[in-house]
C-alpha atoms as a PDB file:
ATOM      1  CA  MET A   1       0.100  -0.369  -0.053  1.00  0.00           C
ATOM      2  CA  ASN A   2       1.267   3.486  -0.709  1.00  0.00           C
ATOM      3  CA  GLU A   3       2.076   5.533   2.354  1.00  0.00           C
ATOM      4  CA  CYS A   4      -1.185   7.531   2.580  1.00  0.00           C
ATOM      5  CA  GLU A   5      -3.429   4.356   2.401  1.00  0.00           C
ATOM      6  CA  ARG A   6      -1.022   2.907   5.148  1.00  0.00           C
ATOM      7  CA  ARG A   7      -1.218   5.845   7.334  1.00  0.00           C
ATOM      8  CA  SER A   8      -4.867   5.961   7.197  1.00  0.00           C
ATOM      9  CA  VAL A   9      -5.025   2.054   7.970  1.00  0.00           C
ATOM     10  CA  ASP A  10      -2.905   2.999  11.169  1.00  0.00           C
ATOM     11  CA  VAL A  11      -5.040   6.025  12.284  1.00  0.00           C
ATOM     12  CA  SER A  12      -8.293   4.290  11.709  1.00  0.00           C
ATOM     13  CA  LEU A  13      -7.265   1.408  13.689  1.00  0.00           C
ATOM     14  CA  MET A  14      -6.243   3.632  16.881  1.00  0.00           C
ATOM     15  CA  TRP A  15      -9.264   5.608  16.657  1.00  0.00           C
ATOM     16  CA  HIS A  16     -11.557   2.630  16.354  1.00  0.00           C
ATOM     17  CA  ARG A  17      -9.743   1.050  19.235  1.00  0.00           C
ATOM     18  CA  ILE A  18     -10.500   4.052  21.693  1.00  0.00           C
ATOM     19  CA  ILE A  19     -13.694   4.589  20.397  1.00  0.00           C
ATOM     20  CA  THR A  20     -14.942   1.183  20.839  1.00  0.00           C
ATOM     21  CA  PHE A  21     -12.685   0.991  24.361  1.00  0.00           C
ATOM     22  CA  GLU A  22     -15.140   3.594  25.738  1.00  0.00           C
ATOM     23  CA  PRO A  23     -12.487   5.131  28.342  1.00  0.00           C
ATOM     24  CA  THR A  24     -13.233   6.536  31.411  1.00  0.00           C
ATOM     25  CA  PRO A  25     -11.014   7.924  34.187  1.00  0.00           C
ATOM     26  CA  GLN A  26     -11.651   5.004  36.131  1.00  0.00           C
ATOM     27  CA  LYS A  27     -10.660   2.979  33.260  1.00  0.00           C
ATOM     28  CA  PRO A  28      -8.744   4.725  30.714  1.00  0.00           C
ATOM     29  CA  PHE A  29      -7.298   3.243  27.374  1.00  0.00           C
ATOM     30  CA  VAL A  30      -3.261   2.868  27.829  1.00  0.00           C
ATOM     31  CA  LEU A  31      -1.753   3.221  24.622  1.00  0.00           C
ATOM     32  CA  GLY A  32       2.173   2.822  23.874  1.00  0.00           C
ATOM     33  CA  LEU A  33       3.543   5.054  21.409  1.00  0.00           C
ATOM     34  CA  PRO A  34       6.733   5.515  19.476  1.00  0.00           C
ATOM     35  CA  THR A  35       9.303   8.192  18.207  1.00  0.00           C
ATOM     36  CA  GLY A  36      10.888   8.873  15.184  1.00  0.00           C
ATOM     37  CA  SER A  37       9.488   9.752  11.547  1.00  0.00           C
ATOM     38  CA  SER A  38       7.414   6.678  10.898  1.00  0.00           C
ATOM     39  CA  PRO A  39       4.656   8.079  12.951  1.00  0.00           C
ATOM     40  CA  GLU A  40       5.227  11.324  12.663  1.00  0.00           C
ATOM     41  CA  GLY A  41       1.938  11.313  10.050  1.00  0.00           C
ATOM     42  CA  VAL A  42       0.182   8.835  12.264  1.00  0.00           C
ATOM     43  CA  TYR A  43       0.320  11.693  14.566  1.00  0.00           C
ATOM     44  CA  ARG A  44      -0.625  14.464  12.339  1.00  0.00           C
ATOM     45  CA  GLU A  45      -3.641  12.363  11.347  1.00  0.00           C
ATOM     46  CA  LEU A  46      -4.934  11.713  15.085  1.00  0.00           C
ATOM     47  CA  VAL A  47      -4.383  15.684  15.760  1.00  0.00           C
ATOM     48  CA  ARG A  48      -6.405  16.764  12.691  1.00  0.00           C
ATOM     49  CA  ARG A  49      -8.986  14.119  14.086  1.00  0.00           C
ATOM     50  CA  HIS A  50      -8.696  15.490  17.597  1.00  0.00           C
ATOM     51  CA  LYS A  51      -9.388  19.098  16.326  1.00  0.00           C
ATOM     52  CA  LEU A  52     -12.808  18.243  14.434  1.00  0.00           C
ATOM     53  CA  GLY A  53     -13.722  16.244  17.531  1.00  0.00           C
ATOM     54  CA  HIS A  54     -14.067  12.714  16.006  1.00  0.00           C
ATOM     55  CA  ILE A  55     -11.274  11.843  19.171  1.00  0.00           C
ATOM     56  CA  SER A  56     -10.312  12.859  22.666  1.00  0.00           C
ATOM     57  CA  PHE A  57      -7.499  11.582  24.559  1.00  0.00           C
ATOM     58  CA  ARG A  58      -8.801  13.019  27.922  1.00  0.00           C
ATOM     59  CA  ASN A  59      -9.156   9.679  29.283  1.00  0.00           C
ATOM     60  CA  VAL A  60      -5.595   7.997  27.601  1.00  0.00           C
ATOM     61  CA  VAL A  61      -2.421   6.973  29.016  1.00  0.00           C
ATOM     62  CA  THR A  62       0.506   6.890  27.060  1.00  0.00           C
ATOM     63  CA  PHE A  63       3.821   5.643  27.200  1.00  0.00           C
ATOM     64  CA  ASN A  64       6.419   5.686  25.237  1.00  0.00           C
ATOM     65  CA  MET A  65       9.025   3.134  24.323  1.00  0.00           C
ATOM     66  CA  ASP A  66      12.357   4.946  24.806  1.00  0.00           C
ATOM     67  CA  GLU A  67      14.376   7.641  25.496  1.00  0.00           C
ATOM     68  CA  TYR A  68      17.990   8.779  25.288  1.00  0.00           C
ATOM     69  CA  VAL A  69      20.302   8.914  28.288  1.00  0.00           C
ATOM     70  CA  GLY A  70      22.156  11.668  29.148  1.00  0.00           C
ATOM     71  CA  LEU A  71      20.292  13.939  26.901  1.00  0.00           C
ATOM     72  CA  PRO A  72      18.355  17.073  28.313  1.00  0.00           C
ATOM     73  CA  ARG A  73      14.969  16.714  28.545  1.00  0.00           C
ATOM     74  CA  ASP A  74      14.218  20.213  26.448  1.00  0.00           C
ATOM     75  CA  HIS A  75      16.779  19.307  23.927  1.00  0.00           C
ATOM     76  CA  PRO A  76      15.031  19.456  20.682  1.00  0.00           C
ATOM     77  CA  GLU A  77      16.042  16.009  19.941  1.00  0.00           C
ATOM     78  CA  SER A  78      15.052  14.191  22.907  1.00  0.00           C
ATOM     79  CA  TYR A  79      11.740  11.896  22.442  1.00  0.00           C
ATOM     80  CA  HIS A  80      10.154  14.131  25.257  1.00  0.00           C
ATOM     81  CA  SER A  81      10.720  16.755  23.088  1.00  0.00           C
ATOM     82  CA  PHE A  82       9.737  14.948  20.010  1.00  0.00           C
ATOM     83  CA  MET A  83       6.628  13.831  21.443  1.00  0.00           C
ATOM     84  CA  TYR A  84       4.776  17.456  22.808  1.00  0.00           C
ATOM     85  CA  GLU A  85       6.022  19.049  19.347  1.00  0.00           C
ATOM     86  CA  HIS A  86       4.392  16.077  17.390  1.00  0.00           C
ATOM     87  CA  PHE A  87       1.262  14.917  19.220  1.00  0.00           C
ATOM     88  CA  PHE A  88       0.616  15.946  23.092  1.00  0.00           C
ATOM     89  CA  SER A  89       0.831  19.672  22.398  1.00  0.00           C
ATOM     90  CA  HIS A  90      -2.042  19.042  19.908  1.00  0.00           C
ATOM     91  CA  VAL A  91      -4.071  17.403  21.595  1.00  0.00           C
ATOM     92  CA  ASP A  92      -6.349  16.971  25.047  1.00  0.00           C
ATOM     93  CA  VAL A  93      -4.391  14.431  26.696  1.00  0.00           C
ATOM     94  CA  LEU A  94      -3.648  15.299  30.544  1.00  0.00           C
ATOM     95  CA  PRO A  95      -0.086  15.865  31.369  1.00  0.00           C
ATOM     96  CA  GLY A  96      -0.475  13.115  34.580  1.00  0.00           C
ATOM     97  CA  ASN A  97      -1.439  10.816  31.733  1.00  0.00           C
ATOM     98  CA  VAL A  98       1.753  11.134  29.981  1.00  0.00           C
ATOM     99  CA  ASN A  99       4.779   8.614  30.681  1.00  0.00           C
ATOM    100  CA  ILE A 100       8.200   8.588  29.050  1.00  0.00           C
ATOM    101  CA  LEU A 101      11.445   7.606  30.501  1.00  0.00           C
ATOM    102  CA  ASP A 102      13.660  10.041  31.976  1.00  0.00           C
ATOM    103  CA  GLY A 103      16.936   9.162  30.736  1.00  0.00           C
ATOM    104  CA  ASN A 104      18.650  11.739  33.194  1.00  0.00           C
ATOM    105  CA  ALA A 105      17.135  10.019  36.290  1.00  0.00           C
ATOM    106  CA  LYS A 106      19.602   9.549  38.966  1.00  0.00           C
ATOM    107  CA  ASP A 107      19.299   5.698  39.550  1.00  0.00           C
ATOM    108  CA  LEU A 108      18.328   4.271  35.500  1.00  0.00           C
ATOM    109  CA  GLU A 109      17.480   1.049  37.039  1.00  0.00           C
ATOM    110  CA  ALA A 110      15.112   2.603  39.301  1.00  0.00           C
ATOM    111  CA  GLU A 111      13.441   4.270  37.437  1.00  0.00           C
ATOM    112  CA  CYS A 112      13.303   1.273  34.696  1.00  0.00           C
ATOM    113  CA  ILE A 113      11.716  -0.867  37.625  1.00  0.00           C
ATOM    114  CA  ALA A 114       9.181   2.040  38.228  1.00  0.00           C
ATOM    115  CA  TYR A 115       8.640   2.492  34.596  1.00  0.00           C
ATOM    116  CA  GLU A 116       7.143  -1.422  34.342  1.00  0.00           C
ATOM    117  CA  GLU A 117       5.475  -0.879  37.801  1.00  0.00           C
ATOM    118  CA  LYS A 118       3.565   2.228  36.589  1.00  0.00           C
ATOM    119  CA  ILE A 119       2.444   0.175  33.447  1.00  0.00           C
ATOM    120  CA  ALA A 120       1.287  -2.823  35.425  1.00  0.00           C
ATOM    121  CA  ARG A 121      -0.815  -0.739  38.076  1.00  0.00           C
ATOM    122  CA  VAL A 122      -3.087   0.783  35.274  1.00  0.00           C
ATOM    123  CA  GLY A 123      -3.613  -2.558  33.617  1.00  0.00           C
ATOM    124  CA  GLY A 124      -1.548  -3.113  31.352  1.00  0.00           C
ATOM    125  CA  ILE A 125      -0.862  -1.802  27.977  1.00  0.00           C
ATOM    126  CA  GLU A 126      -4.278  -1.803  25.865  1.00  0.00           C
ATOM    127  CA  LEU A 127      -2.254  -0.826  21.942  1.00  0.00           C
ATOM    128  CA  PHE A 128       1.265  -0.430  21.579  1.00  0.00           C
ATOM    129  CA  LEU A 129       2.001   1.356  18.082  1.00  0.00           C
ATOM    130  CA  GLY A 130       5.898   0.716  17.091  1.00  0.00           C
ATOM    131  CA  GLY A 131       8.324   0.969  14.546  1.00  0.00           C
ATOM    132  CA  ILE A 132      11.849  -0.091  13.611  1.00  0.00           C
ATOM    133  CA  GLY A 133      15.059   0.030  12.684  1.00  0.00           C
ATOM    134  CA  PRO A 134      16.927  -1.020   9.503  1.00  0.00           C
ATOM    135  CA  ASP A 135      18.175  -3.723  11.500  1.00  0.00           C
ATOM    136  CA  GLY A 136      14.507  -5.034  12.741  1.00  0.00           C
ATOM    137  CA  HIS A 137      15.042  -3.555  16.077  1.00  0.00           C
ATOM    138  CA  ILE A 138      11.916  -2.551  18.179  1.00  0.00           C
ATOM    139  CA  ALA A 139      12.121   0.530  20.587  1.00  0.00           C
ATOM    140  CA  PHE A 140      15.477   0.173  21.326  1.00  0.00           C
ATOM    141  CA  ASN A 141      16.020  -3.673  21.505  1.00  0.00           C
ATOM    142  CA  GLU A 142      18.674  -4.129  19.632  1.00  0.00           C
ATOM    143  CA  PRO A 143      20.153  -7.547  18.016  1.00  0.00           C
ATOM    144  CA  GLY A 144      20.890 -10.089  20.532  1.00  0.00           C
ATOM    145  CA  SER A 145      18.067  -8.690  23.119  1.00  0.00           C
ATOM    146  CA  SER A 146      16.431 -10.962  25.105  1.00  0.00           C
ATOM    147  CA  LEU A 147      13.387 -11.687  23.753  1.00  0.00           C
ATOM    148  CA  ARG A 148      11.981 -11.664  27.740  1.00  0.00           C
ATOM    149  CA  SER A 149      13.402  -8.478  28.709  1.00  0.00           C
ATOM    150  CA  ARG A 150      11.698  -5.790  30.505  1.00  0.00           C
ATOM    151  CA  THR A 151      12.363  -2.025  30.309  1.00  0.00           C
ATOM    152  CA  ARG A 152      16.333  -1.429  30.808  1.00  0.00           C
ATOM    153  CA  VAL A 153      19.426   0.600  30.051  1.00  0.00           C
ATOM    154  CA  LYS A 154      20.709  -0.103  26.768  1.00  0.00           C
ATOM    155  CA  THR A 155      23.984  -0.018  24.886  1.00  0.00           C
ATOM    156  CA  LEU A 156      23.236   1.321  21.156  1.00  0.00           C
ATOM    157  CA  ALA A 157      24.285  -0.671  18.302  1.00  0.00           C
ATOM    158  CA  TYR A 158      26.965   1.316  16.126  1.00  0.00           C
ATOM    159  CA  ASP A 159      24.319   0.947  12.968  1.00  0.00           C
ATOM    160  CA  THR A 160      21.504   2.420  15.242  1.00  0.00           C
ATOM    161  CA  VAL A 161      24.047   5.861  16.263  1.00  0.00           C
ATOM    162  CA  MET A 162      25.266   6.403  12.849  1.00  0.00           C
ATOM    163  CA  ALA A 163      21.453   5.775  11.472  1.00  0.00           C
ATOM    164  CA  ASN A 164      20.007   8.417  14.263  1.00  0.00           C
ATOM    165  CA  SER A 165      22.894  10.868  13.572  1.00  0.00           C
ATOM    166  CA  ARG A 166      20.982  12.455  10.465  1.00  0.00           C
ATOM    167  CA  PHE A 167      18.789  13.905  13.329  1.00  0.00           C
ATOM    168  CA  PHE A 168      22.091  15.314  15.092  1.00  0.00           C
ATOM    169  CA  GLY A 169      23.676  16.961  12.012  1.00  0.00           C
ATOM    170  CA  GLY A 170      25.196  14.236  11.076  1.00  0.00           C
ATOM    171  CA  ASP A 171      27.509  14.431  13.744  1.00  0.00           C
ATOM    172  CA  VAL A 172      28.112  10.614  15.709  1.00  0.00           C
ATOM    173  CA  SER A 173      29.567  12.183  18.505  1.00  0.00           C
ATOM    174  CA  GLN A 174      26.808  14.271  19.453  1.00  0.00           C
ATOM    175  CA  VAL A 175      24.495  10.859  19.135  1.00  0.00           C
ATOM    176  CA  PRO A 176      23.630   9.130  22.685  1.00  0.00           C
ATOM    177  CA  LYS A 177      24.916   6.185  22.731  1.00  0.00           C
ATOM    178  CA  MET A 178      22.415   4.602  25.478  1.00  0.00           C
ATOM    179  CA  ALA A 179      18.751   4.635  26.229  1.00  0.00           C
ATOM    180  CA  LEU A 180      16.570   3.411  28.188  1.00  0.00           C
ATOM    181  CA  THR A 181      14.067   1.145  26.479  1.00  0.00           C
ATOM    182  CA  VAL A 182      10.873  -1.122  27.165  1.00  0.00           C
ATOM    183  CA  GLY A 183      12.160  -4.726  26.475  1.00  0.00           C
ATOM    184  CA  ILE A 184      10.692  -7.180  23.781  1.00  0.00           C
ATOM    185  CA  GLN A 185       7.987  -8.937  26.995  1.00  0.00           C
ATOM    186  CA  THR A 186       7.231  -5.536  27.578  1.00  0.00           C
ATOM    187  CA  ILE A 187       5.917  -5.003  24.339  1.00  0.00           C
ATOM    188  CA  LEU A 188       4.437  -8.408  23.804  1.00  0.00           C
ATOM    189  CA  ASP A 189       2.659  -7.963  26.787  1.00  0.00           C
ATOM    190  CA  ALA A 190       0.062  -5.360  25.188  1.00  0.00           C
ATOM    191  CA  ARG A 191      -2.981  -6.534  24.068  1.00  0.00           C
ATOM    192  CA  GLU A 192      -2.543  -5.564  20.951  1.00  0.00           C
ATOM    193  CA  VAL A 193       0.685  -4.694  18.980  1.00  0.00           C
ATOM    194  CA  VAL A 194       0.748  -2.579  15.447  1.00  0.00           C
ATOM    195  CA  ILE A 195       4.220  -2.073  13.876  1.00  0.00           C
ATOM    196  CA  ILE A 196       4.658   0.525  11.243  1.00  0.00           C
ATOM    197  CA  ILE A 197       7.275  -0.303   8.451  1.00  0.00           C
ATOM    198  CA  THR A 198       8.295   1.734   5.562  1.00  0.00           C
ATOM    199  CA  GLY A 199      11.124   2.257   3.358  1.00  0.00           C
ATOM    200  CA  ALA A 200      13.185  -0.110   1.183  1.00  0.00           C
ATOM    201  CA  HIS A 201      16.054   0.237   3.465  1.00  0.00           C
ATOM    202  CA  LYS A 202      13.822  -1.856   5.869  1.00  0.00           C
ATOM    203  CA  ALA A 203      12.879  -4.301   3.647  1.00  0.00           C
ATOM    204  CA  LEU A 204      15.337  -7.563   4.694  1.00  0.00           C
ATOM    205  CA  ALA A 205      14.496  -6.832   8.711  1.00  0.00           C
ATOM    206  CA  LEU A 206      10.730  -7.313   7.414  1.00  0.00           C
ATOM    207  CA  GLN A 207      11.383 -10.609   5.312  1.00  0.00           C
ATOM    208  CA  LYS A 208      13.196 -11.703   8.358  1.00  0.00           C
ATOM    209  CA  CYS A 209      10.218 -11.404  10.501  1.00  0.00           C
ATOM    210  CA  ILE A 210       7.830 -12.934   8.396  1.00  0.00           C
ATOM    211  CA  GLU A 211       9.305 -15.555   6.001  1.00  0.00           C
ATOM    212  CA  GLU A 212      11.854 -16.866   8.880  1.00  0.00           C
ATOM    213  CA  GLY A 213      11.548 -18.278  12.764  1.00  0.00           C
ATOM    214  CA  VAL A 214      11.857 -16.218  15.580  1.00  0.00           C
ATOM    215  CA  ASN A 215      15.305 -14.715  16.314  1.00  0.00           C
ATOM    216  CA  HIS A 216      16.472 -12.602  18.648  1.00  0.00           C
ATOM    217  CA  MET A 217      19.029 -11.361  16.269  1.00  0.00           C
ATOM    218  CA  TRP A 218      15.821  -9.790  14.235  1.00  0.00           C
ATOM    219  CA  THR A 219      13.870  -8.347  17.602  1.00  0.00           C
ATOM    220  CA  LEU A 220      11.181  -7.934  14.883  1.00  0.00           C
ATOM    221  CA  SER A 221      10.740 -11.256  14.608  1.00  0.00           C
ATOM    222  CA  SER A 222       9.341 -11.487  18.240  1.00  0.00           C
ATOM    223  CA  LEU A 223       5.872 -10.699  16.948  1.00  0.00           C
ATOM    224  CA  GLN A 224       5.342 -14.081  15.540  1.00  0.00           C
ATOM    225  CA  MET A 225       4.609 -15.272  18.912  1.00  0.00           C
ATOM    226  CA  HIS A 226       2.037 -12.398  19.453  1.00  0.00           C
ATOM    227  CA  PRO A 227      -1.545 -13.246  18.964  1.00  0.00           C
ATOM    228  CA  ALA A 228      -2.578  -9.657  18.005  1.00  0.00           C
ATOM    229  CA  ALA A 229       0.187  -8.348  16.187  1.00  0.00           C
ATOM    230  CA  MET A 230      -0.505  -6.419  12.789  1.00  0.00           C
ATOM    231  CA  ILE A 231       2.635  -4.710  10.474  1.00  0.00           C
ATOM    232  CA  VAL A 232       1.366  -2.178   8.405  1.00  0.00           C
ATOM    233  CA  ALA A 233       4.021  -1.993   5.560  1.00  0.00           C
ATOM    234  CA  ASP A 234       3.871   0.136   2.363  1.00  0.00           C
ATOM    235  CA  ASP A 235       5.553  -1.576  -0.817  1.00  0.00           C
ATOM    236  CA  ASP A 236       9.003  -0.846  -0.823  1.00  0.00           C
ATOM    237  CA  ALA A 237       9.538  -2.232   2.880  1.00  0.00           C
ATOM    238  CA  THR A 238       7.814  -5.384   0.870  1.00  0.00           C
ATOM    239  CA  LEU A 239      10.732  -5.654  -1.816  1.00  0.00           C
ATOM    240  CA  GLU A 240      12.844  -8.759  -0.218  1.00  0.00           C
ATOM    241  CA  LEU A 241       9.373 -11.152   0.274  1.00  0.00           C
ATOM    242  CA  LYS A 242       8.774 -13.650  -2.085  1.00  0.00           C
ATOM    243  CA  VAL A 243       6.287 -12.360  -5.006  1.00  0.00           C
ATOM    244  CA  LYS A 244       4.125 -15.276  -3.490  1.00  0.00           C
ATOM    245  CA  THR A 245       4.275 -14.111   0.447  1.00  0.00           C
ATOM    246  CA  VAL A 246       3.130 -10.829  -0.644  1.00  0.00           C
ATOM    247  CA  GLN A 247       0.431 -12.348  -2.974  1.00  0.00           C
ATOM    248  CA  TYR A 248      -0.981 -14.818  -0.029  1.00  0.00           C
ATOM    249  CA  PHE A 249      -1.354 -11.735   2.768  1.00  0.00           C
ATOM    250  CA  ARG A 250      -3.063  -9.665  -0.020  1.00  0.00           C
ATOM    251  CA  SER A 251      -5.536 -11.987  -0.737  1.00  0.00           C
ATOM    252  CA  ILE A 252      -6.481 -12.851   2.688  1.00  0.00           C
ATOM    253  CA  GLU A 253      -6.642  -9.322   3.070  1.00  0.00           C
ATOM    254  CA  SER A 254      -9.523  -9.014  -0.173  1.00  0.00           C
ATOM    255  CA  VAL A 255     -11.142 -12.094   1.050  1.00  0.00           C
ATOM    256  CA  ALA A 256     -11.910 -10.328   4.388  1.00  0.00           C
ATOM    257  CA  ALA A 257     -13.072  -7.153   2.832  1.00  0.00           C
ATOM    258  CA  GLU A 258     -15.090  -9.199   0.608  1.00  0.00           C
ATOM    259  CA  GLN A 259     -16.496 -11.622   3.138  1.00  0.00           C
ATOM    260  CA  GLY A 260     -16.866  -8.070   5.506  1.00  0.00           C
ATOM    261  CA  PHE A 261     -14.620  -8.595   8.158  1.00  0.00           C
ATOM    262  CA  SER A 262     -11.981  -6.195   9.339  1.00  0.00           C
ATOM    263  CA  GLN A 263      -9.021  -6.036  11.586  1.00  0.00           C
ATOM    264  CA  THR A 264     -11.356  -5.501  14.964  1.00  0.00           C
ATOM    265  CA  LEU A 265     -10.161  -6.777  18.167  1.00  0.00           C
ATOM    266  CA  PRO A 266     -13.069  -7.633  20.507  1.00  0.00           C
ATOM    267  CA  SER A 267     -13.175  -5.506  23.777  1.00  0.00           C
ATOM    268  CA  GLN A 268     -12.001  -6.626  26.742  1.00  0.00           C
ATOM    269  CA  LYS A 269     -15.120  -6.570  28.448  1.00  0.00           C
ATOM    270  CA  SER A 270     -16.947  -8.902  25.670  1.00  0.00           C
ATOM    271  CA  THR A 271     -14.327 -10.696  25.698  1.00  0.00           C
ATOM    272  CA  LYS A 272     -14.338 -11.433  29.319  1.00  0.00           C
ATOM    273  CA  ALA A 273     -18.437 -12.037  28.578  1.00  0.00           C
ATOM    274  CA  LYS A 274     -18.151 -14.170  26.136  1.00  0.00           C
ATOM    275  CA  ARG A 275     -15.611 -16.421  28.591  1.00  0.00           C
ATOM    276  CA  ASP A 276     -17.964 -16.289  31.422  1.00  0.00           C
ATOM    277  CA  SER A 277     -20.726 -17.382  29.631  1.00  0.00           C
ATOM    278  CA  VAL A 278     -18.674 -20.352  27.939  1.00  0.00           C
ATOM    279  CA  LEU A 279     -17.568 -21.288  31.011  1.00  0.00           C
ATOM    280  CA  GLU A 280     -21.364 -21.276  32.458  1.00  0.00           C
ATOM    281  CA  MET A 281     -22.060 -23.988  29.906  1.00  0.00           C
ATOM    282  CA  LEU A 282     -19.057 -25.924  30.342  1.00  0.00           C
ATOM    283  CA  ASN A 283     -20.016 -26.225  33.964  1.00  0.00           C
ATOM    284  CA  GLY A 284     -23.416 -27.277  33.162  1.00  0.00           C
ATOM    285  CA  LEU A 285     -22.095 -29.698  31.338  1.00  0.00           C
ATOM    286  CA  TYR A 286     -20.217 -31.259  33.846  1.00  0.00           C
ATOM    287  CA  THR A 287     -21.908 -30.891  37.008  1.00  0.00           C
ATOM    288  CA  LYS A 288     -25.501 -31.903  35.895  1.00  0.00           C
ATOM    289  CA  PRO A 289     -26.415 -35.653  36.638  1.00  0.00           C
ATOM    290  CA  ARG A 290     -27.323 -37.821  33.642  1.00  0.00           C
ATOM    291  CA  SER A 291     -30.282 -39.562  33.695  1.00  0.00           C
ATOM    292  CA  ASN A 292     -29.237 -42.635  31.951  1.00  0.00           C
ATOM    293  CA  PRO A 293     -25.894 -42.882  32.987  1.00  0.00           C
ATOM    294  CA  ALA A 294     -23.615 -45.277  30.664  1.00  0.00           C
ATOM    295  CA  LYS A 295     -22.104 -48.212  32.585  1.00  0.00           C
ATOM    296  CA  LEU A 296     -19.069 -50.054  31.038  1.00  0.00           C
ATOM    297  CA  ASN A 297     -18.357 -53.752  32.188  1.00  0.00           C
ATOM    298  CA  ALA A 298     -14.478 -53.553  31.677  1.00  0.00           C
ATOM    299  CA  PRO A 299     -13.057 -57.849  31.589  1.00  0.00           C
ATOM    300  CA  ALA A 300     -11.303 -58.716  35.093  1.00  0.00           C
ATOM    301  CA  ILE A 301      -7.633 -58.098  34.824  1.00  0.00           C
ATOM    302  CA  ASP A 302      -5.141 -60.815  35.771  1.00  0.00           C
ATOM    303  CA  LEU A 303      -2.563 -58.981  38.070  1.00  0.00           C
ATOM    304  CA  GLU A 304      -0.094 -62.461  38.740  1.00  0.00           C
ATOM    305  CA  ARG A 305       3.042 -62.150  37.432  1.00  0.00           C
ATOM    306  CA  VAL A 306       3.502 -64.256  34.060  1.00  0.00           C
ATOM    307  CA  PRO A 307       6.261 -67.091  35.000  1.00  0.00           C
ATOM    308  CA  SER A 308       9.801 -66.727  33.799  1.00  0.00           C
ATOM    309  CA  PRO A 309      10.549 -68.349  30.768  1.00  0.00           C
ATOM    310  CA  ASN A 310      12.528 -71.545  31.112  1.00  0.00           C
ATOM    311  CA  LEU A 311      15.887 -70.375  29.292  1.00  0.00           C
ATOM    312  CA  GLU A 312      17.573 -73.767  29.719  1.00  0.00           C
ATOM    313  CA  SER A 313      14.932 -75.426  27.739  1.00  0.00           C
ATOM    314  CA  MET A 314      15.482 -72.668  24.978  1.00  0.00           C
ATOM    315  CA  MET A 315      19.047 -73.094  24.964  1.00  0.00           C
ATOM    316  CA  THR A 316      18.476 -77.054  24.533  1.00  0.00           C
ATOM    317  CA  ARG A 317      16.065 -76.241  21.448  1.00  0.00           C
ATOM    318  CA  VAL A 318      18.652 -73.674  20.517  1.00  0.00           C
ATOM    319  CA  ALA A 319      21.878 -76.001  20.089  1.00  0.00           C
ATOM    320  CA  SER A 320      19.311 -79.078  18.444  1.00  0.00           C
ATOM    321  CA  TYR A 321      19.268 -76.581  15.297  1.00  0.00           C
END
C-alpha cells in the first residue's frame, strides 16, 4: 500500500480502538507510543481528527517506548521534545497521563523498574504502536536482545547511532550512545501490537520477520509469538519478500474485505463476557447429573505375574538346530 493508505490504516485502527473501548477516568485506554519518522504522519492525522472533534485523548494514558540517556529533556532531539512537538501539545491528553522514561534520572535502574510498575498499575498496555530500525530492532531492543527483556538501560549499536546521526546534523559524536527502552516482553504483554514499516532500507528486516523463524538477532521476529500483532508496510518495505508471500497476505486481506471482516479486536469486556458464558455452559455440562448414565463393564485383569521362561529348555532347542 502507498503512504496515504498505510497512514489511513494506522489512524483508523487507533481511532476505532479508543472509541469502542469507551475509556473513563477510572478505566483509561492505555496506549504505547513510538518516536521517529515512521509515526509522524500518524500523529498529524490523529491531531487533525481531534481538532475536528472526532476523538478525545482525555481518558488515554500513554507510555513511550524509549528515551536517550543523558540528553536534556528540553533538547530538540529528546523524545520528550518530539512527543510534545508532534502530538501531546495538540490534543487534550492530561499531563499526568503522559509517561516518558527519564534518561537523566539519578538511578536509571530504579527508573526502569518504576516504569514497569506504572504499566502494571494501570492494567497493562491495550495497544502498542511502534516502528523498527533497518536491523529489525523495536524500540531500542537491538539485535541480540533477550526476547524476555523488560524496561532497562541499553547500549546502542553502532548502526543505530549512525542512523540517528541524521537528527544531530550528521555528527555521530553528538548522538547518545545509551538509552532507556521498554523490553521485548513489555511490548509482547500489550493486548495488541501494530508496527509501521516503510522504505526499502527496512525490507530485509520485514523479510526476516515474515519468512523466517523467531530470532533474537531480529527482534521484530518476536511478533510471531503475539496473538494480535499487525504489521502495516508500504510497497517498498516488501521488496525482499517472495512474490507469493506478498500475494498470500493480499489475498487474505481481499477475502476478509469481501466477507465483511475487518481488523477488529474484541474488547476486553466482550471477551470476558464471552468467556464467562462458555465457562458457565461447560460447568453445566460437567456438573449436571445424567439421567441414564452409561455403565461400562471392563473385563477383569489377571494381575498375577507371568512366570519367567525356562531358559535352559530354550537353549537346548536352539542347540539342537
